[in-house]
Amino acid sequence: MFINNVILQGNVASAVKTYASEKSTKYSFSVETKKTVRKKDGTTVTISVKNSVDYFSPVEMSINEGDLVTVVGELSYDKWTDKSSGEVKYKTLVKAQSVQLTLSGEDEEVSLENIPL
């Protein structure tokens, strides 16, 4: 059995692009996650990673840059050929199954019990 589940919690780190169809709206954005690690010399450094997210929703959502969100989904990989250079390019992204907005002031971590897996 193989498992491909991803849970991210962080701030929306890019302008949200929307693409509407009759049945759903696609939201494309990035989520910035951070962690603090201790170096060998005892100092700490914060590592930041931006993760690309695609989310299809049957209902309209208001997702804005800076919002704190929790994303549940699976890893996916896109491959395409750059038209100008002819170079093959790859992109890792999260295809979200759910996106939960966390209201300002609710900075605590979201309980995994409330997230659909």
Protein backbone atom coordinates (compact mmCIF):
# COMPACT_ATOMS: atom_id res chain seq x y z
CA MET A 1 0.00 0.00 0.00
CA PHE A 2 1.30 3.45 -0.92
CA ILE A 3 0.34 6.67 0.83
CA ASN A 4 0.63 10.09 -0.81
CA ASN A 5 -0.82 12.52 1.75
CA VAL A 6 0.48 16.02 2.44
CA ILE A 7 -0.59 18.43 5.16
CA LEU A 8 0.77 21.98 5.03
CA GLN A 9 0.09 24.86 7.36
CA GLY A 10 1.45 28.27 6.51
CA ASN A 11 0.76 31.63 4.94
CA VAL A 12 -0.37 32.15 1.36
CA ALA A 13 2.83 33.53 -0.15
CA SER A 14 1.70 34.63 -3.60
CA ALA A 15 -1.17 36.32 -5.36
CA VAL A 16 -3.98 33.79 -5.79
CA LYS A 17 -4.81 33.00 -9.42
CA THR A 18 -8.35 31.83 -10.14
CA TYR A 19 -9.74 30.01 -13.16
CA ALA A 20 -13.54 29.57 -13.18
CA SER A 21 -15.56 26.95 -15.03
CA GLU A 22 -19.23 25.98 -14.83
CA LYS A 23 -18.63 23.32 -12.15
CA SER A 24 -15.74 24.64 -10.06
CA THR A 25 -13.07 27.24 -9.57
CA LYS A 26 -9.37 26.41 -9.64
CA TYR A 27 -7.24 28.33 -7.14
CA SER A 28 -3.47 28.36 -7.70
CA PHE A 29 -1.19 29.82 -5.05
CA SER A 30 1.86 29.05 -2.95
CA VAL A 31 2.02 28.34 0.78
CA GLU A 32 5.12 29.28 2.75
CA THR A 33 6.05 26.89 5.54
CA LYS A 34 8.79 27.62 8.06
CA LYS A 35 10.80 25.67 10.58
CA THR A 36 13.55 26.65 12.98
CA VAL A 37 16.61 24.43 13.20
CA ARG A 38 19.59 24.53 15.52
CA LYS A 39 23.01 24.58 13.86
CA LYS A 40 26.05 22.76 15.23
CA ASP A 41 27.36 25.99 16.76
CA GLY A 42 24.14 26.37 18.80
CA THR A 43 22.63 29.21 16.79
CA THR A 44 19.21 28.85 15.21
CA VAL A 45 18.12 29.59 11.67
CA THR A 46 14.64 29.66 10.15
CA ILE A 47 14.20 27.72 6.92
CA SER A 48 11.39 28.82 4.62
CA VAL A 49 9.91 26.72 1.80
CA LYS A 50 7.27 27.81 -0.72
CA ASN A 51 4.98 25.03 -1.91
CA SER A 52 2.79 25.37 -5.03
CA VAL A 53 -0.87 24.45 -4.50
CA ASP A 54 -3.75 23.82 -6.91
CA TYR A 55 -7.24 23.55 -5.41
CA PHE A 56 -10.54 22.96 -7.21
CA SER A 57 -13.57 24.13 -5.25
CA PRO A 58 -17.26 23.88 -6.20
CA VAL A 59 -17.94 26.97 -4.05
CA GLU A 60 -16.33 30.39 -4.27
CA MET A 61 -13.65 31.06 -1.66
CA SER A 62 -11.81 34.15 -0.56
CA ILE A 63 -8.12 33.23 -0.31
CA ASN A 64 -5.67 36.11 -0.17
CA GLU A 65 -1.93 36.57 0.07
CA GLY A 66 -0.92 36.49 3.74
CA ASP A 67 -3.84 34.29 4.89
CA LEU A 68 -2.96 31.44 7.25
CA VAL A 69 -4.20 28.19 5.69
CA THR A 70 -4.09 24.47 6.27
CA VAL A 71 -3.89 22.44 3.05
CA VAL A 72 -4.55 18.70 2.78
CA GLY A 73 -3.76 16.98 -0.49
CA GLU A 74 -1.30 14.87 -2.42
CA LEU A 75 1.99 15.50 -4.18
CA SER A 76 1.88 15.78 -7.93
CA TYR A 77 4.44 16.52 -10.61
CA ASP A 78 3.96 18.58 -13.75
CA LYS A 79 6.23 18.32 -16.79
CA TRP A 80 6.25 20.67 -19.78
CA THR A 81 8.48 22.01 -22.51
CA ASP A 82 9.33 25.71 -22.34
CA LYS A 83 8.19 27.22 -25.65
CA SER A 84 10.94 29.82 -25.81
CA SER A 85 13.93 27.65 -24.87
CA GLY A 86 12.70 24.14 -25.74
CA GLU A 87 13.90 23.05 -22.28
CA VAL A 88 11.92 20.36 -20.43
CA LYS A 89 10.82 21.69 -17.04
CA TYR A 90 9.34 20.06 -13.95
CA LYS A 91 7.30 21.38 -11.06
CA THR A 92 6.26 19.72 -7.81
CA LEU A 93 2.89 20.82 -6.48
CA VAL A 94 0.22 19.87 -3.99
CA LYS A 95 -3.16 18.99 -5.47
CA ALA A 96 -5.33 20.04 -2.55
CA GLN A 97 -8.37 18.09 -1.43
CA SER A 98 -9.22 20.70 1.19
CA VAL A 99 -8.10 24.18 2.17
CA GLN A 100 -9.04 25.61 5.57
CA LEU A 101 -8.60 29.29 6.36
CA THR A 102 -7.45 30.17 9.87
CA LEU A 103 -8.79 33.50 11.08
CA SER A 104 -6.40 36.17 12.33
CA GLY A 105 -5.53 35.58 15.97
CA GLU A 106 -5.93 31.79 15.67
CA ASP A 107 -2.23 31.09 15.23
CA GLU A 108 -2.27 27.80 17.11
CA GLU A 109 -1.68 24.66 15.12
CA VAL A 110 -4.75 23.03 13.61
CA SER A 111 -5.64 19.69 15.16
CA LEU A 112 -5.25 16.79 12.75
CA GLU A 113 -8.51 15.37 14.14
CA ASN A 114 -10.45 18.04 12.21
CA ILE A 115 -8.71 17.50 8.87
CA PRO A 116 -10.17 15.08 6.32
CA LEU A 117 -7.54 12.56 5.20
